[in-house]
Amino acid sequence: MEKVRIAIISDVHGNLEALKAVLKDAANERAEQYITVGDIALKGPGTDVCLELLEKLNPLTFVLGNHEQVYKDFLDGKSFDHSLKRRMIEDLVKYDYAFLGEEKFRYLATLPKKVSIQVFQTKIDVFHAMPNSVSFPIYATEEQAYFDEMFSGTEADVAINGHVHRQSLRRTAEDKLIINSGSVGLPGGESRKVKDNLAQYALIDIAETGIVDIHFKKITYDIDAEIAFAKKRNLPYVDIYEKTLRSGQYLYIDSQIEQYFSPKFKQ
């Protein structure tokens, strides 16, 4: 049976060591094609290098994530002053801009929200969160209507999304698949009961009959090397980045960020 193996890469967030480990594992698994699902950018120190590695693979898709949307907000001159987290994001956007340069920065900022592809007879829609939103979180436990809505106005057989940093597989009422490969570069939310600092991605095998195999993977990577790279590159808010990676818990929250803006911290 003729088939193609595709690796799904989402939410890298500038974590170079995690991406390198995932791409090495995908090559060992004999992935032939790649799909990227947004949020290559921000939080980690290596957005520019991560983009370079992915571009060399000539993926079937690049789509806009909510962090690339922040790049667009920056180019459009939108305010970043209304919350501590947005002020932090502005610092990280400027940091990424310095490494990416104008051309690559603008390229990421202007990616499409959705890309539709076809592999054999299988039609696939790829988007970061929802077809018309890069930031609306859809967890596997959400109501069925949200998953059905993903196929409104499309002839796709399969949807692939990301954003929530959780691996999941859902179906619509009409038995269409929605695949979320999780996050390569950052753990999930701050309320996780089980901490997880592994790099996540997924492999799918597609044949003439459709998807014949789905394999979710979690792999280790060199967190020490990633932290060293972040410090060498003078990543802003590197303490939060290190705590997040080592703990397996998403810590980009106000209680962690506010220390960087307090007078005591600046002394």
C-alpha atoms as a PDB file:
ATOM      1  CA  MET A   1       0.000   0.000   0.000  1.00  0.00           C
ATOM      2  CA  GLU A   2       1.406   3.358  -1.031  1.00  0.00           C
ATOM      3  CA  LYS A   3       1.393   5.886   1.768  1.00  0.00           C
ATOM      4  CA  VAL A   4       3.195   9.015   2.976  1.00  0.00           C
ATOM      5  CA  ARG A   5       4.323   9.747   6.533  1.00  0.00           C
ATOM      6  CA  ILE A   6       3.910  13.327   7.729  1.00  0.00           C
ATOM      7  CA  ALA A   7       5.280  14.898  10.923  1.00  0.00           C
ATOM      8  CA  ILE A   8       3.097  17.574  12.526  1.00  0.00           C
ATOM      9  CA  ILE A   9       5.073  20.349  14.214  1.00  0.00           C
ATOM     10  CA  SER A  10       3.280  22.951  16.346  1.00  0.00           C
ATOM     11  CA  ASP A  11       4.064  25.557  18.998  1.00  0.00           C
ATOM     12  CA  VAL A  12       7.853  25.509  18.811  1.00  0.00           C
ATOM     13  CA  HIS A  13       8.115  28.884  20.570  1.00  0.00           C
ATOM     14  CA  GLY A  14      11.755  29.447  19.737  1.00  0.00           C
ATOM     15  CA  ASN A  15      12.927  26.335  21.618  1.00  0.00           C
ATOM     16  CA  LEU A  16      15.809  25.262  19.396  1.00  0.00           C
ATOM     17  CA  GLU A  17      16.931  22.159  21.304  1.00  0.00           C
ATOM     18  CA  ALA A  18      13.392  20.794  21.463  1.00  0.00           C
ATOM     19  CA  LEU A  19      12.906  21.315  17.729  1.00  0.00           C
ATOM     20  CA  LYS A  20      16.256  19.712  16.892  1.00  0.00           C
ATOM     21  CA  ALA A  21      15.317  16.649  18.959  1.00  0.00           C
ATOM     22  CA  VAL A  22      11.886  16.396  17.326  1.00  0.00           C
ATOM     23  CA  LEU A  23      13.270  16.720  13.806  1.00  0.00           C
ATOM     24  CA  LYS A  24      15.915  14.091  14.533  1.00  0.00           C
ATOM     25  CA  ASP A  25      13.265  11.747  15.881  1.00  0.00           C
ATOM     26  CA  ALA A  26      10.986  12.419  12.906  1.00  0.00           C
ATOM     27  CA  ALA A  27      13.835  11.624  10.528  1.00  0.00           C
ATOM     28  CA  ASN A  28      14.466   8.367  12.404  1.00  0.00           C
ATOM     29  CA  GLU A  29      10.753   7.633  12.016  1.00  0.00           C
ATOM     30  CA  ARG A  30      11.177   8.216   8.269  1.00  0.00           C
ATOM     31  CA  ALA A  31       8.881  11.214   8.017  1.00  0.00           C
ATOM     32  CA  GLU A  32       8.686  12.281   4.382  1.00  0.00           C
ATOM     33  CA  GLN A  33       6.725  15.515   4.722  1.00  0.00           C
ATOM     34  CA  TYR A  34       6.101  18.110   7.421  1.00  0.00           C
ATOM     35  CA  ILE A  35       3.160  20.254   8.467  1.00  0.00           C
ATOM     36  CA  THR A  36       3.730  23.265  10.718  1.00  0.00           C
ATOM     37  CA  VAL A  37       0.837  24.683  12.730  1.00  0.00           C
ATOM     38  CA  GLY A  38       1.978  28.111  13.955  1.00  0.00           C
ATOM     39  CA  ASP A  39       3.689  29.657  16.977  1.00  0.00           C
ATOM     40  CA  ILE A  40       7.222  29.100  15.780  1.00  0.00           C
ATOM     41  CA  ALA A  41       7.850  32.422  17.505  1.00  0.00           C
ATOM     42  CA  LEU A  42       8.392  33.912  20.957  1.00  0.00           C
ATOM     43  CA  LYS A  43       9.300  32.899  24.472  1.00  0.00           C
ATOM     44  CA  GLY A  44      12.479  30.973  23.551  1.00  0.00           C
ATOM     45  CA  PRO A  45      15.769  32.372  22.198  1.00  0.00           C
ATOM     46  CA  GLY A  46      15.892  30.683  18.780  1.00  0.00           C
ATOM     47  CA  THR A  47      12.948  31.741  16.632  1.00  0.00           C
ATOM     48  CA  ASP A  48      15.267  32.687  13.770  1.00  0.00           C
ATOM     49  CA  VAL A  49      17.173  29.384  13.832  1.00  0.00           C
ATOM     50  CA  CYS A  50      13.977  27.353  14.265  1.00  0.00           C
ATOM     51  CA  LEU A  51      12.470  29.031  11.212  1.00  0.00           C
ATOM     52  CA  GLU A  52      15.620  28.301   9.226  1.00  0.00           C
ATOM     53  CA  LEU A  53      15.520  24.605  10.170  1.00  0.00           C
ATOM     54  CA  LEU A  54      11.862  24.309   9.228  1.00  0.00           C
ATOM     55  CA  GLU A  55      12.250  26.155   5.935  1.00  0.00           C
ATOM     56  CA  LYS A  56      14.949  23.674   4.887  1.00  0.00           C
ATOM     57  CA  LEU A  57      12.333  20.912   5.162  1.00  0.00           C
ATOM     58  CA  ASN A  58       9.995  22.691   2.719  1.00  0.00           C
ATOM     59  CA  PRO A  59       6.880  21.958   4.813  1.00  0.00           C
ATOM     60  CA  LEU A  60       3.470  21.544   3.250  1.00  0.00           C
ATOM     61  CA  THR A  61       2.184  24.404   5.426  1.00  0.00           C
ATOM     62  CA  PHE A  62       3.194  27.462   7.374  1.00  0.00           C
ATOM     63  CA  VAL A  63       0.302  29.189   9.172  1.00  0.00           C
ATOM     64  CA  LEU A  64      -0.128  32.171  11.459  1.00  0.00           C
ATOM     65  CA  GLY A  65      -0.104  31.491  15.201  1.00  0.00           C
ATOM     66  CA  ASN A  66      -1.191  33.877  17.918  1.00  0.00           C
ATOM     67  CA  HIS A  67       2.456  34.724  18.569  1.00  0.00           C
ATOM     68  CA  GLU A  68       3.085  35.558  14.932  1.00  0.00           C
ATOM     69  CA  GLN A  69      -0.100  37.646  15.180  1.00  0.00           C
ATOM     70  CA  VAL A  70       1.707  39.621  17.891  1.00  0.00           C
ATOM     71  CA  TYR A  71       4.412  40.371  15.329  1.00  0.00           C
ATOM     72  CA  LYS A  72       1.672  41.833  13.121  1.00  0.00           C
ATOM     73  CA  ASP A  73       0.327  43.866  16.050  1.00  0.00           C
ATOM     74  CA  PHE A  74       3.814  45.278  16.525  1.00  0.00           C
ATOM     75  CA  LEU A  75       4.156  46.205  12.850  1.00  0.00           C
ATOM     76  CA  ASP A  76       0.687  47.792  12.976  1.00  0.00           C
ATOM     77  CA  GLY A  77       1.721  49.957  15.935  1.00  0.00           C
ATOM     78  CA  LYS A  78      -0.763  48.504  18.431  1.00  0.00           C
ATOM     79  CA  SER A  79      -0.260  49.265  22.118  1.00  0.00           C
ATOM     80  CA  PHE A  80       1.448  46.723  24.357  1.00  0.00           C
ATOM     81  CA  ASP A  81       1.060  48.703  27.592  1.00  0.00           C
ATOM     82  CA  HIS A  82      -2.278  47.502  28.967  1.00  0.00           C
ATOM     83  CA  SER A  83      -0.989  44.502  30.938  1.00  0.00           C
ATOM     84  CA  LEU A  84       2.239  43.148  32.368  1.00  0.00           C
ATOM     85  CA  LYS A  85       2.134  40.180  30.020  1.00  0.00           C
ATOM     86  CA  ARG A  86       1.714  42.411  26.960  1.00  0.00           C
ATOM     87  CA  ARG A  87       4.650  44.541  28.095  1.00  0.00           C
ATOM     88  CA  MET A  88       6.712  41.380  28.410  1.00  0.00           C
ATOM     89  CA  ILE A  89       5.586  40.260  24.952  1.00  0.00           C
ATOM     90  CA  GLU A  90       6.685  43.585  23.460  1.00  0.00           C
ATOM     91  CA  ASP A  91      10.195  43.046  24.869  1.00  0.00           C
ATOM     92  CA  LEU A  92      10.281  39.540  23.417  1.00  0.00           C
ATOM     93  CA  VAL A  93       8.989  40.749  20.033  1.00  0.00           C
ATOM     94  CA  LYS A  94      11.784  43.325  19.835  1.00  0.00           C
ATOM     95  CA  TYR A  95      14.251  40.606  20.816  1.00  0.00           C
ATOM     96  CA  ASP A  96      13.048  38.315  18.016  1.00  0.00           C
ATOM     97  CA  TYR A  97      13.094  41.179  15.522  1.00  0.00           C
ATOM     98  CA  ALA A  98      16.790  41.782  16.218  1.00  0.00           C
ATOM     99  CA  PHE A  99      17.641  38.182  15.256  1.00  0.00           C
ATOM    100  CA  LEU A 100      15.125  37.671  12.458  1.00  0.00           C
ATOM    101  CA  GLY A 101      15.577  40.961  10.627  1.00  0.00           C
ATOM    102  CA  GLU A 102      12.827  42.872   8.836  1.00  0.00           C
ATOM    103  CA  GLU A 103      12.189  40.414   5.995  1.00  0.00           C
ATOM    104  CA  LYS A 104      11.756  37.233   8.051  1.00  0.00           C
ATOM    105  CA  PHE A 105       9.895  39.077  10.806  1.00  0.00           C
ATOM    106  CA  ARG A 106       7.397  40.461   8.288  1.00  0.00           C
ATOM    107  CA  TYR A 107       7.121  37.058   6.599  1.00  0.00           C
ATOM    108  CA  LEU A 108       6.022  35.421   9.860  1.00  0.00           C
ATOM    109  CA  ALA A 109       3.661  38.304  10.636  1.00  0.00           C
ATOM    110  CA  THR A 110       1.831  37.902   7.339  1.00  0.00           C
ATOM    111  CA  LEU A 111       1.349  34.124   7.184  1.00  0.00           C
ATOM    112  CA  PRO A 112      -2.180  32.920   6.335  1.00  0.00           C
ATOM    113  CA  LYS A 113      -4.544  31.887   9.127  1.00  0.00           C
ATOM    114  CA  LYS A 114      -5.523  28.696   7.315  1.00  0.00           C
ATOM    115  CA  VAL A 115      -3.931  26.564   4.607  1.00  0.00           C
ATOM    116  CA  SER A 116      -5.769  23.758   2.808  1.00  0.00           C
ATOM    117  CA  ILE A 117      -3.812  20.884   1.278  1.00  0.00           C
ATOM    118  CA  GLN A 118      -4.556  17.517  -0.261  1.00  0.00           C
ATOM    119  CA  VAL A 119      -2.546  14.319   0.207  1.00  0.00           C
ATOM    120  CA  PHE A 120      -3.759  11.569  -2.115  1.00  0.00           C
ATOM    121  CA  GLN A 121      -7.539  11.907  -1.719  1.00  0.00           C
ATOM    122  CA  THR A 122      -7.465  13.345   1.811  1.00  0.00           C
ATOM    123  CA  LYS A 123      -8.234  17.064   2.134  1.00  0.00           C
ATOM    124  CA  ILE A 124      -6.668  18.717   5.182  1.00  0.00           C
ATOM    125  CA  ASP A 125      -7.237  22.152   6.720  1.00  0.00           C
ATOM    126  CA  VAL A 126      -4.386  23.449   8.882  1.00  0.00           C
ATOM    127  CA  PHE A 127      -4.897  26.369  11.300  1.00  0.00           C
ATOM    128  CA  HIS A 128      -3.502  27.330  14.685  1.00  0.00           C
ATOM    129  CA  ALA A 129      -6.619  27.459  16.867  1.00  0.00           C
ATOM    130  CA  MET A 130      -9.816  27.851  14.837  1.00  0.00           C
ATOM    131  CA  PRO A 131     -10.159  28.491  11.093  1.00  0.00           C
ATOM    132  CA  ASN A 132     -10.875  32.190  11.677  1.00  0.00           C
ATOM    133  CA  SER A 133      -9.045  32.725  14.965  1.00  0.00           C
ATOM    134  CA  VAL A 134      -5.423  32.193  15.978  1.00  0.00           C
ATOM    135  CA  SER A 135      -6.124  32.572  19.694  1.00  0.00           C
ATOM    136  CA  PHE A 136      -9.422  30.887  20.600  1.00  0.00           C
ATOM    137  CA  PRO A 137      -8.440  27.900  22.793  1.00  0.00           C
ATOM    138  CA  ILE A 138     -10.069  24.589  21.917  1.00  0.00           C
ATOM    139  CA  TYR A 139      -9.230  21.860  24.427  1.00  0.00           C
ATOM    140  CA  ALA A 140     -10.181  18.233  23.841  1.00  0.00           C
ATOM    141  CA  THR A 141     -12.863  18.525  26.523  1.00  0.00           C
ATOM    142  CA  GLU A 142     -14.740  21.378  24.796  1.00  0.00           C
ATOM    143  CA  GLU A 143     -18.302  20.951  23.581  1.00  0.00           C
ATOM    144  CA  GLN A 144     -18.824  19.023  20.367  1.00  0.00           C
ATOM    145  CA  ALA A 145     -20.159  22.104  18.566  1.00  0.00           C
ATOM    146  CA  TYR A 146     -16.718  23.714  18.506  1.00  0.00           C
ATOM    147  CA  PHE A 147     -15.222  20.757  16.662  1.00  0.00           C
ATOM    148  CA  ASP A 148     -18.106  20.586  14.215  1.00  0.00           C
ATOM    149  CA  GLU A 149     -17.677  24.323  13.554  1.00  0.00           C
ATOM    150  CA  MET A 150     -14.121  23.756  12.329  1.00  0.00           C
ATOM    151  CA  PHE A 151     -15.540  22.194   9.173  1.00  0.00           C
ATOM    152  CA  SER A 152     -18.083  24.895   8.410  1.00  0.00           C
ATOM    153  CA  GLY A 153     -17.758  26.007   4.789  1.00  0.00           C
ATOM    154  CA  THR A 154     -14.974  23.572   3.901  1.00  0.00           C
ATOM    155  CA  GLU A 155     -14.715  20.262   2.079  1.00  0.00           C
ATOM    156  CA  ALA A 156     -11.840  19.090   4.283  1.00  0.00           C
ATOM    157  CA  ASP A 157     -11.777  15.551   5.665  1.00  0.00           C
ATOM    158  CA  VAL A 158      -9.293  16.355   8.456  1.00  0.00           C
ATOM    159  CA  ALA A 159      -8.416  19.420  10.539  1.00  0.00           C
ATOM    160  CA  ILE A 160      -5.062  19.977  12.228  1.00  0.00           C
ATOM    161  CA  ASN A 161      -4.679  22.645  14.911  1.00  0.00           C
ATOM    162  CA  GLY A 162      -2.533  23.514  17.925  1.00  0.00           C
ATOM    163  CA  HIS A 163      -2.408  26.450  20.362  1.00  0.00           C
ATOM    164  CA  VAL A 164      -3.397  24.728  23.630  1.00  0.00           C
ATOM    165  CA  HIS A 165      -0.169  22.705  24.018  1.00  0.00           C
ATOM    166  CA  ARG A 166      -2.078  19.452  24.521  1.00  0.00           C
ATOM    167  CA  GLN A 167      -1.995  16.384  22.319  1.00  0.00           C
ATOM    168  CA  SER A 168      -5.495  15.307  21.416  1.00  0.00           C
ATOM    169  CA  LEU A 169      -7.672  13.537  18.890  1.00  0.00           C
ATOM    170  CA  ARG A 170     -11.328  14.429  18.387  1.00  0.00           C
ATOM    171  CA  ARG A 171     -14.033  13.690  15.808  1.00  0.00           C
ATOM    172  CA  THR A 172     -16.938  15.699  14.524  1.00  0.00           C
ATOM    173  CA  ALA A 173     -20.513  14.505  14.524  1.00  0.00           C
ATOM    174  CA  GLU A 174     -19.850  13.429  10.924  1.00  0.00           C
ATOM    175  CA  ASP A 175     -16.773  11.443  11.999  1.00  0.00           C
ATOM    176  CA  LYS A 176     -14.162  13.850  10.647  1.00  0.00           C
ATOM    177  CA  LEU A 177     -10.827  13.956  12.487  1.00  0.00           C
ATOM    178  CA  ILE A 178      -9.271  16.866  14.393  1.00  0.00           C
ATOM    179  CA  ILE A 179      -5.621  16.307  15.349  1.00  0.00           C
ATOM    180  CA  ASN A 180      -3.634  18.413  17.819  1.00  0.00           C
ATOM    181  CA  SER A 181       0.012  17.364  18.015  1.00  0.00           C
ATOM    182  CA  GLY A 182       0.760  19.329  21.201  1.00  0.00           C
ATOM    183  CA  SER A 183       3.703  21.681  21.666  1.00  0.00           C
ATOM    184  CA  VAL A 184       7.278  21.076  20.611  1.00  0.00           C
ATOM    185  CA  GLY A 185       8.734  23.855  22.726  1.00  0.00           C
ATOM    186  CA  LEU A 186       6.642  24.673  25.807  1.00  0.00           C
ATOM    187  CA  PRO A 187       4.616  22.742  28.396  1.00  0.00           C
ATOM    188  CA  GLY A 188       0.881  23.247  28.798  1.00  0.00           C
ATOM    189  CA  GLY A 189      -1.108  25.421  31.193  1.00  0.00           C
ATOM    190  CA  GLU A 190      -0.297  26.380  34.760  1.00  0.00           C
ATOM    191  CA  SER A 191      -3.047  24.170  36.227  1.00  0.00           C
ATOM    192  CA  ARG A 192      -1.708  20.863  34.930  1.00  0.00           C
ATOM    193  CA  LYS A 193      -1.863  18.082  37.494  1.00  0.00           C
ATOM    194  CA  VAL A 194       0.824  16.125  35.671  1.00  0.00           C
ATOM    195  CA  LYS A 195       3.887  18.164  34.761  1.00  0.00           C
ATOM    196  CA  ASP A 196       5.387  17.461  31.358  1.00  0.00           C
ATOM    197  CA  ASN A 197       8.609  18.931  29.961  1.00  0.00           C
ATOM    198  CA  LEU A 198       8.908  16.620  26.964  1.00  0.00           C
ATOM    199  CA  ALA A 199       8.812  17.817  23.359  1.00  0.00           C
ATOM    200  CA  GLN A 200       5.566  16.812  21.674  1.00  0.00           C
ATOM    201  CA  TYR A 201       4.710  16.163  18.042  1.00  0.00           C
ATOM    202  CA  ALA A 202       2.716  13.692  15.954  1.00  0.00           C
ATOM    203  CA  LEU A 203       3.151  11.430  12.932  1.00  0.00           C
ATOM    204  CA  ILE A 204       0.366  10.541  10.525  1.00  0.00           C
ATOM    205  CA  ASP A 205       0.406   8.023   7.698  1.00  0.00           C
ATOM    206  CA  ILE A 206      -1.868   8.840   4.765  1.00  0.00           C
ATOM    207  CA  ALA A 207      -2.773   6.432   1.973  1.00  0.00           C
ATOM    208  CA  GLU A 208      -5.310   6.514  -0.858  1.00  0.00           C
ATOM    209  CA  THR A 209      -7.952   5.412   1.642  1.00  0.00           C
ATOM    210  CA  GLY A 210      -7.200   8.279   4.047  1.00  0.00           C
ATOM    211  CA  ILE A 211      -5.311   8.433   7.352  1.00  0.00           C
ATOM    212  CA  VAL A 212      -4.262   4.900   8.272  1.00  0.00           C
ATOM    213  CA  ASP A 213      -2.159   5.657  11.372  1.00  0.00           C
ATOM    214  CA  ILE A 214      -1.751   8.432  13.940  1.00  0.00           C
ATOM    215  CA  HIS A 215       1.158   8.310  16.348  1.00  0.00           C
ATOM    216  CA  PHE A 216       1.520  10.905  19.125  1.00  0.00           C
ATOM    217  CA  LYS A 217       5.084  11.230  20.418  1.00  0.00           C
ATOM    218  CA  LYS A 218       6.765  12.818  23.436  1.00  0.00           C
ATOM    219  CA  ILE A 219      10.543  12.883  23.530  1.00  0.00           C
ATOM    220  CA  THR A 220      13.298  14.165  25.775  1.00  0.00           C
ATOM    221  CA  TYR A 221      15.651  16.938  24.728  1.00  0.00           C
ATOM    222  CA  ASP A 222      18.654  18.742  26.229  1.00  0.00           C
ATOM    223  CA  ILE A 223      17.059  21.347  28.480  1.00  0.00           C
ATOM    224  CA  ASP A 224      20.455  22.349  29.934  1.00  0.00           C
ATOM    225  CA  ALA A 225      21.723  23.168  26.445  1.00  0.00           C
ATOM    226  CA  GLU A 226      18.569  25.154  25.688  1.00  0.00           C
ATOM    227  CA  ILE A 227      18.928  27.224  28.860  1.00  0.00           C
ATOM    228  CA  ALA A 228      22.610  27.816  28.117  1.00  0.00           C
ATOM    229  CA  PHE A 229      21.677  29.007  24.613  1.00  0.00           C
ATOM    230  CA  ALA A 230      19.040  31.343  26.063  1.00  0.00           C
ATOM    231  CA  LYS A 231      21.532  32.861  28.487  1.00  0.00           C
ATOM    232  CA  LYS A 232      24.209  33.193  25.814  1.00  0.00           C
ATOM    233  CA  ARG A 233      21.731  35.086  23.648  1.00  0.00           C
ATOM    234  CA  ASN A 234      20.573  37.254  26.591  1.00  0.00           C
ATOM    235  CA  LEU A 235      16.946  36.178  26.348  1.00  0.00           C
ATOM    236  CA  PRO A 236      14.629  38.550  28.264  1.00  0.00           C
ATOM    237  CA  TYR A 237      12.786  36.906  31.163  1.00  0.00           C
ATOM    238  CA  VAL A 238      15.160  33.966  30.998  1.00  0.00           C
ATOM    239  CA  ASP A 239      14.341  32.961  34.586  1.00  0.00           C
ATOM    240  CA  ILE A 240      10.705  32.302  33.643  1.00  0.00           C
ATOM    241  CA  TYR A 241      11.805  30.398  30.562  1.00  0.00           C
ATOM    242  CA  GLU A 242      14.118  28.197  32.609  1.00  0.00           C
ATOM    243  CA  LYS A 243      11.501  27.538  35.299  1.00  0.00           C
ATOM    244  CA  THR A 244       8.910  26.688  32.658  1.00  0.00           C
ATOM    245  CA  LEU A 245      11.131  24.202  30.844  1.00  0.00           C
ATOM    246  CA  ARG A 246      12.512  22.530  33.945  1.00  0.00           C
ATOM    247  CA  SER A 247       9.203  22.275  35.804  1.00  0.00           C
ATOM    248  CA  GLY A 248       7.096  21.229  32.832  1.00  0.00           C
ATOM    249  CA  GLN A 249       4.584  23.874  33.884  1.00  0.00           C
ATOM    250  CA  TYR A 250       3.604  26.984  31.896  1.00  0.00           C
ATOM    251  CA  LEU A 251       4.707  29.950  34.039  1.00  0.00           C
ATOM    252  CA  TYR A 252       4.213  32.964  31.778  1.00  0.00           C
ATOM    253  CA  ILE A 253       1.681  34.388  34.227  1.00  0.00           C
ATOM    254  CA  ASP A 254       1.448  37.740  36.037  1.00  0.00           C
ATOM    255  CA  SER A 255       2.706  36.406  39.364  1.00  0.00           C
ATOM    256  CA  GLN A 256       5.988  35.441  37.680  1.00  0.00           C
ATOM    257  CA  ILE A 257       6.222  38.389  35.276  1.00  0.00           C
ATOM    258  CA  GLU A 258       5.558  41.167  37.792  1.00  0.00           C
ATOM    259  CA  GLN A 259       8.937  40.686  39.475  1.00  0.00           C
ATOM    260  CA  TYR A 260      10.640  42.046  36.347  1.00  0.00           C
ATOM    261  CA  PHE A 261       8.672  45.290  36.567  1.00  0.00           C
ATOM    262  CA  SER A 262       8.948  45.814  40.334  1.00  0.00           C
ATOM    263  CA  PRO A 263      11.267  48.519  41.704  1.00  0.00           C
ATOM    264  CA  LYS A 264      12.902  45.930  43.987  1.00  0.00           C
ATOM    265  CA  PHE A 265      13.896  43.769  40.992  1.00  0.00           C
ATOM    266  CA  LYS A 266      15.345  46.743  39.098  1.00  0.00           C
ATOM    267  CA  GLN A 267      17.656  47.756  41.960  1.00  0.00           C
END
